[in-house]
PDB file of N, CA and C in Angstrom:
ATOM      1  N   MET A   1       0.842  -1.188   0.000  1.00  0.00           N
ATOM      2  CA  MET A   1       0.000   0.000   0.000  1.00  0.00           C
ATOM      3  C   MET A   1       0.884   1.247   0.000  1.00  0.00           C
ATOM      4  N   GLU A   2       0.654   2.147  -0.945  1.00  0.00           N
ATOM      5  CA  GLU A   2       1.444   3.368  -1.053  1.00  0.00           C
ATOM      6  C   GLU A   2       0.913   4.431  -0.098  1.00  0.00           C
ATOM      7  N   ASP A   3       1.824   5.109   0.601  1.00  0.00           N
ATOM      8  CA  ASP A   3       1.460   6.159   1.541  1.00  0.00           C
ATOM      9  C   ASP A   3       1.222   7.453   0.765  1.00  0.00           C
ATOM     10  N   SER A   4       0.089   8.105   0.971  1.00  0.00           N
ATOM     11  CA  SER A   4      -0.236   9.341   0.252  1.00  0.00           C
ATOM     12  C   SER A   4       0.695  10.493   0.630  1.00  0.00           C
ATOM     13  N   ARG A   5       1.452  10.352   1.718  1.00  0.00           N
ATOM     14  CA  ARG A   5       2.389  11.397   2.137  1.00  0.00           C
ATOM     15  C   ARG A   5       3.734  11.281   1.446  1.00  0.00           C
ATOM     16  N   CYS A   6       3.929  10.268   0.617  1.00  0.00           N
ATOM     17  CA  CYS A   6       5.208  10.041  -0.063  1.00  0.00           C
ATOM     18  C   CYS A   6       5.640  11.293  -0.820  1.00  0.00           C
ATOM     19  N   CYS A   7       6.939  11.568  -0.817  1.00  0.00           N
ATOM     20  CA  CYS A   7       7.477  12.770  -1.469  1.00  0.00           C
ATOM     21  C   CYS A   7       7.509  12.651  -2.987  1.00  0.00           C
ATOM     22  N   GLY A   8       7.170  11.499  -3.514  1.00  0.00           N
ATOM     23  CA  GLY A   8       7.134  11.316  -4.958  1.00  0.00           C
ATOM     24  C   GLY A   8       8.143  10.309  -5.474  1.00  0.00           C
ATOM     25  N   THR A   9       9.072   9.881  -4.622  1.00  0.00           N
ATOM     26  CA  THR A   9      10.085   8.923  -5.053  1.00  0.00           C
ATOM     27  C   THR A   9       9.549   7.501  -5.082  1.00  0.00           C
ATOM     28  N   GLY A  10       8.492   7.259  -4.305  1.00  0.00           N
ATOM     29  CA  GLY A  10       7.955   5.910  -4.209  1.00  0.00           C
ATOM     30  C   GLY A  10       8.719   5.040  -3.241  1.00  0.00           C
ATOM     31  N   THR A  11       9.666   5.632  -2.500  1.00  0.00           N
ATOM     32  CA  THR A  11      10.487   4.857  -1.567  1.00  0.00           C
ATOM     33  C   THR A  11      10.264   5.244  -0.115  1.00  0.00           C
ATOM     34  N   CYS A  12       9.309   6.112   0.150  1.00  0.00           N
ATOM     35  CA  CYS A  12       9.077   6.579   1.520  1.00  0.00           C
ATOM     36  C   CYS A  12       8.561   5.456   2.414  1.00  0.00           C
ATOM     37  N   ILE A  13       9.122   5.389   3.599  1.00  0.00           N
ATOM     38  CA  ILE A  13       8.627   4.522   4.662  1.00  0.00           C
ATOM     39  C   ILE A  13       8.439   5.451   5.856  1.00  0.00           C
ATOM     40  N   ILE A  14       7.201   5.833   6.118  1.00  0.00           N
ATOM     41  CA  ILE A  14       6.888   6.857   7.112  1.00  0.00           C
ATOM     42  C   ILE A  14       6.297   6.211   8.352  1.00  0.00           C
ATOM     43  N   ASN A  15       6.891   6.515   9.521  1.00  0.00           N
ATOM     44  CA  ASN A  15       6.411   5.922  10.768  1.00  0.00           C
ATOM     45  C   ASN A  15       5.221   6.701  11.334  1.00  0.00           C
ATOM     46  N   GLU A  16       4.730   6.268  12.489  1.00  0.00           N
ATOM     47  CA  GLU A  16       3.560   6.900  13.111  1.00  0.00           C
ATOM     48  C   GLU A  16       3.795   8.354  13.482  1.00  0.00           C
ATOM     49  N   ASP A  17       5.071   8.743  13.703  1.00  0.00           N
ATOM     50  CA  ASP A  17       5.403  10.122  14.067  1.00  0.00           C
ATOM     51  C   ASP A  17       5.578  11.020  12.843  1.00  0.00           C
ATOM     52  N   GLY A  18       5.407  10.456  11.631  1.00  0.00           N
ATOM     53  CA  GLY A  18       5.546  11.242  10.410  1.00  0.00           C
ATOM     54  C   GLY A  18       6.969  11.352   9.922  1.00  0.00           C
ATOM     55  N   GLN A  19       7.889  10.541  10.462  1.00  0.00           N
ATOM     56  CA  GLN A  19       9.286  10.581  10.054  1.00  0.00           C
ATOM     57  C   GLN A  19       9.555   9.488   9.028  1.00  0.00           C
ATOM     58  N   CYS A  20      10.252   9.868   7.961  1.00  0.00           N
ATOM     59  CA  CYS A  20      10.636   8.922   6.914  1.00  0.00           C
ATOM     60  C   CYS A  20      12.054   8.435   7.191  1.00  0.00           C
ATOM     61  N   TRP A  21      12.402   7.292   6.624  1.00  0.00           N
ATOM     62  CA  TRP A  21      13.750   6.737   6.806  1.00  0.00           C
ATOM     63  C   TRP A  21      14.822   7.673   6.249  1.00  0.00           C
ATOM     64  N   CYS A  22      14.474   8.539   5.283  1.00  0.00           N
ATOM     65  CA  CYS A  22      15.458   9.428   4.647  1.00  0.00           C
ATOM     66  C   CYS A  22      15.718  10.694   5.459  1.00  0.00           C
ATOM     67  N   GLY A  23      14.968  10.920   6.520  1.00  0.00           N
ATOM     68  CA  GLY A  23      15.179  12.100   7.357  1.00  0.00           C
ATOM     69  C   GLY A  23      14.114  13.159   7.193  1.00  0.00           C
ATOM     70  N   GLN A  24      13.279  13.037   6.160  1.00  0.00           N
ATOM     71  CA  GLN A  24      12.201  14.006   5.992  1.00  0.00           C
ATOM     72  C   GLN A  24      11.090  13.723   7.003  1.00  0.00           C
ATOM     73  N   ARG A  25      10.272  14.732   7.235  1.00  0.00           N
ATOM     74  CA  ARG A  25       9.183  14.621   8.201  1.00  0.00           C
ATOM     75  C   ARG A  25       7.925  15.236   7.611  1.00  0.00           C
ATOM     76  N   TRP A  26       6.780  14.624   7.887  1.00  0.00           N
ATOM     77  CA  TRP A  26       5.490  15.144   7.453  1.00  0.00           C
ATOM     78  C   TRP A  26       5.159  16.346   8.313  1.00  0.00           C
ATOM     79  N   ASP A  27       4.928  17.520   7.673  1.00  0.00           N
ATOM     80  CA  ASP A  27       4.626  18.734   8.438  1.00  0.00           C
ATOM     81  C   ASP A  27       3.133  19.045   8.473  1.00  0.00           C
ATOM     82  N   GLY A  28       2.311  18.095   8.017  1.00  0.00           N
ATOM     83  CA  GLY A  28       0.871  18.293   7.978  1.00  0.00           C
ATOM     84  C   GLY A  28       0.373  18.639   6.592  1.00  0.00           C
ATOM     85  N   THR A  29       1.309  19.085   5.727  1.00  0.00           N
ATOM     86  CA  THR A  29       0.977  19.442   4.357  1.00  0.00           C
ATOM     87  C   THR A  29       1.825  18.679   3.351  1.00  0.00           C
ATOM     88  N   ARG A  30       3.119  18.545   3.670  1.00  0.00           N
ATOM     89  CA  ARG A  30       4.067  17.912   2.743  1.00  0.00           C
ATOM     90  C   ARG A  30       5.244  17.322   3.507  1.00  0.00           C
ATOM     91  N   MET A  31       6.046  16.520   2.817  1.00  0.00           N
ATOM     92  CA  MET A  31       7.273  15.990   3.397  1.00  0.00           C
ATOM     93  C   MET A  31       8.356  17.050   3.243  1.00  0.00           C
ATOM     94  N   CYS A  32       9.118  17.294   4.308  1.00  0.00           N
ATOM     95  CA  CYS A  32      10.197  18.264   4.246  1.00  0.00           C
ATOM     96  C   CYS A  32      11.255  17.895   5.272  1.00  0.00           C
ATOM     97  N   PHE A  33      12.448  18.440   5.112  1.00  0.00           N
ATOM     98  CA  PHE A  33      13.504  18.207   6.088  1.00  0.00           C
ATOM     99  C   PHE A  33      13.296  19.154   7.265  1.00  0.00           C
ATOM    100  N   PRO A  34      13.453  18.655   8.493  1.00  0.00           N
ATOM    101  CA  PRO A  34      13.254  19.517   9.666  1.00  0.00           C
ATOM    102  C   PRO A  34      14.314  20.609   9.735  1.00  0.00           C
ATOM    103  N   GLU A  35      13.960  21.719  10.355  1.00  0.00           N
ATOM    104  CA  GLU A  35      14.901  22.817  10.560  1.00  0.00           C
ATOM    105  C   GLU A  35      16.002  22.346  11.503  1.00  0.00           C
ATOM    106  N   PRO A  36      17.274  22.723  11.237  1.00  0.00           N
ATOM    107  CA  PRO A  36      18.363  22.310  12.132  1.00  0.00           C
ATOM    108  C   PRO A  36      18.232  22.984  13.496  1.00  0.00           C
ATOM    109  N   VAL A  37      18.652  22.284  14.520  1.00  0.00           N
ATOM    110  CA  VAL A  37      18.674  22.828  15.877  1.00  0.00           C
ATOM    111  C   VAL A  37      19.876  23.754  15.970  1.00  0.00           C
ATOM    112  N   ASP A  38      19.741  24.896  16.660  1.00  0.00           N
ATOM    113  CA  ASP A  38      20.836  25.857  16.781  1.00  0.00           C
ATOM    114  C   ASP A  38      22.128  25.161  17.188  1.00  0.00           C
ATOM    115  N   GLY A  39      23.214  25.499  16.490  1.00  0.00           N
ATOM    116  CA  GLY A  39      24.519  24.960  16.816  1.00  0.00           C
ATOM    117  C   GLY A  39      24.833  23.645  16.132  1.00  0.00           C
ATOM    118  N   GLN A  40      23.865  23.025  15.450  1.00  0.00           N
ATOM    119  CA  GLN A  40      24.129  21.747  14.812  1.00  0.00           C
ATOM    120  C   GLN A  40      24.509  21.885  13.350  1.00  0.00           C
ATOM    121  N   ALA A  41      24.126  22.982  12.710  1.00  0.00           N
ATOM    122  CA  ALA A  41      24.455  23.156  11.295  1.00  0.00           C
ATOM    123  C   ALA A  41      24.492  24.628  10.946  1.00  0.00           C
ATOM    124  N   ASP A  42      25.304  24.953   9.948  1.00  0.00           N
ATOM    125  CA  ASP A  42      25.350  26.306   9.426  1.00  0.00           C
ATOM    126  C   ASP A  42      24.251  26.473   8.391  1.00  0.00           C
ATOM    127  N   GLY A  43      24.092  27.647   7.839  1.00  0.00           N
ATOM    128  CA  GLY A  43      23.075  27.923   6.848  1.00  0.00           C
ATOM    129  C   GLY A  43      23.200  27.084   5.588  1.00  0.00           C
ATOM    130  N   ASP A  44      24.412  26.587   5.304  1.00  0.00           N
ATOM    131  CA  ASP A  44      24.577  25.787   4.094  1.00  0.00           C
ATOM    132  C   ASP A  44      24.350  24.309   4.344  1.00  0.00           C
ATOM    133  N   GLY A  45      23.933  23.948   5.564  1.00  0.00           N
ATOM    134  CA  GLY A  45      23.624  22.559   5.863  1.00  0.00           C
ATOM    135  C   GLY A  45      24.802  21.752   6.361  1.00  0.00           C
ATOM    136  N   THR A  46      25.970  22.375   6.495  1.00  0.00           N
ATOM    137  CA  THR A  46      27.125  21.647   6.991  1.00  0.00           C
ATOM    138  C   THR A  46      27.293  21.885   8.484  1.00  0.00           C
ATOM    139  N   ALA A  47      27.933  20.968   9.134  1.00  0.00           N
ATOM    140  CA  ALA A  47      28.188  21.111  10.567  1.00  0.00           C
ATOM    141  C   ALA A  47      29.228  22.203  10.786  1.00  0.00           C
ATOM    142  N   PRO A  48      29.174  22.900  11.927  1.00  0.00           N
ATOM    143  CA  PRO A  48      30.180  23.924  12.194  1.00  0.00           C
ATOM    144  C   PRO A  48      31.563  23.295  12.299  1.00  0.00           C
ATOM    145  N   PRO A  49      32.620  24.025  11.937  1.00  0.00           N
ATOM    146  CA  PRO A  49      33.969  23.460  12.009  1.00  0.00           C
ATOM    147  C   PRO A  49      34.351  23.147  13.445  1.00  0.00           C
ATOM    148  N   SER A  50      35.170  22.111  13.610  1.00  0.00           N
ATOM    149  CA  SER A  50      35.619  21.762  14.960  1.00  0.00           C
ATOM    150  C   SER A  50      36.689  22.754  15.391  1.00  0.00           C
ATOM    151  N   ARG A  51      36.792  22.961  16.690  1.00  0.00           N
ATOM    152  CA  ARG A  51      37.757  23.900  17.230  1.00  0.00           C
ATOM    153  C   ARG A  51      39.094  23.205  17.408  1.00  0.00           C
ATOM    154  N   PRO A  52      40.181  23.926  17.188  1.00  0.00           N
ATOM    155  CA  PRO A  52      41.501  23.325  17.420  1.00  0.00           C
ATOM    156  C   PRO A  52      41.704  23.044  18.900  1.00  0.00           C
ATOM    157  N   ALA A  53      42.622  22.158  19.216  1.00  0.00           N
ATOM    158  CA  ALA A  53      42.895  21.774  20.604  1.00  0.00           C
ATOM    159  C   ALA A  53      43.344  22.966  21.431  1.00  0.00           C
ATOM    160  N   SER A  54      44.085  23.883  20.828  1.00  0.00           N
ATOM    161  CA  SER A  54      44.559  25.053  21.531  1.00  0.00           C
ATOM    162  C   SER A  54      44.140  26.294  20.745  1.00  0.00           C
ATOM    163  N   ALA A  55      43.623  27.310  21.448  1.00  0.00           N
ATOM    164  CA  ALA A  55      43.150  28.513  20.785  1.00  0.00           C
ATOM    165  C   ALA A  55      44.297  29.275  20.116  1.00  0.00           C
ATOM    166  N   ASN A  56      45.510  29.187  20.668  1.00  0.00           N
ATOM    167  CA  ASN A  56      46.642  29.916  20.091  1.00  0.00           C
ATOM    168  C   ASN A  56      47.443  29.043  19.136  1.00  0.00           C
ATOM    169  N   GLY A  57      47.022  27.816  18.907  1.00  0.00           N
ATOM    170  CA  GLY A  57      47.674  26.947  17.949  1.00  0.00           C
ATOM    171  C   GLY A  57      48.903  26.247  18.464  1.00  0.00           C
ATOM    172  N   GLU A  58      49.270  26.489  19.716  1.00  0.00           N
ATOM    173  CA  GLU A  58      50.461  25.851  20.283  1.00  0.00           C
ATOM    174  C   GLU A  58      50.116  24.492  20.859  1.00  0.00           C
ATOM    175  N   ASP A  59      51.091  23.609  20.819  1.00  0.00           N
ATOM    176  CA  ASP A  59      50.922  22.286  21.423  1.00  0.00           C
ATOM    177  C   ASP A  59      51.227  22.433  22.912  1.00  0.00           C
ATOM    178  N   ASN A  60      50.308  22.007  23.757  1.00  0.00           N
ATOM    179  CA  ASN A  60      50.472  22.155  25.202  1.00  0.00           C
ATOM    180  C   ASN A  60      51.380  21.082  25.798  1.00  0.00           C
ATOM    181  N   ALA A  61      51.764  20.065  25.051  1.00  0.00           N
ATOM    182  CA  ALA A  61      52.648  19.022  25.566  1.00  0.00           C
ATOM    183  C   ALA A  61      54.071  19.562  25.627  1.00  0.00           C
ATOM    184  N   HIS A  62      54.762  19.373  26.755  1.00  0.00           N
ATOM    185  CA  HIS A  62      56.135  19.865  26.914  1.00  0.00           C
ATOM    186  C   HIS A  62      57.079  18.741  27.141  1.00  0.00           C
TER     187      HIS A  62
END
């Protein structure tokens, strides 16, 4: 049985919470990717860069 909420690929498997295996979520109107939580991604969808071990770039091992 095909789910009427499918995004059009024909591969959607949507659980009771409206979440698909691909990461999209039913928002009541259409399937879409959820908004990123603050600090988890930049505007381009990539994760923020990791911070270096030392702020001044020096190795603390002596």
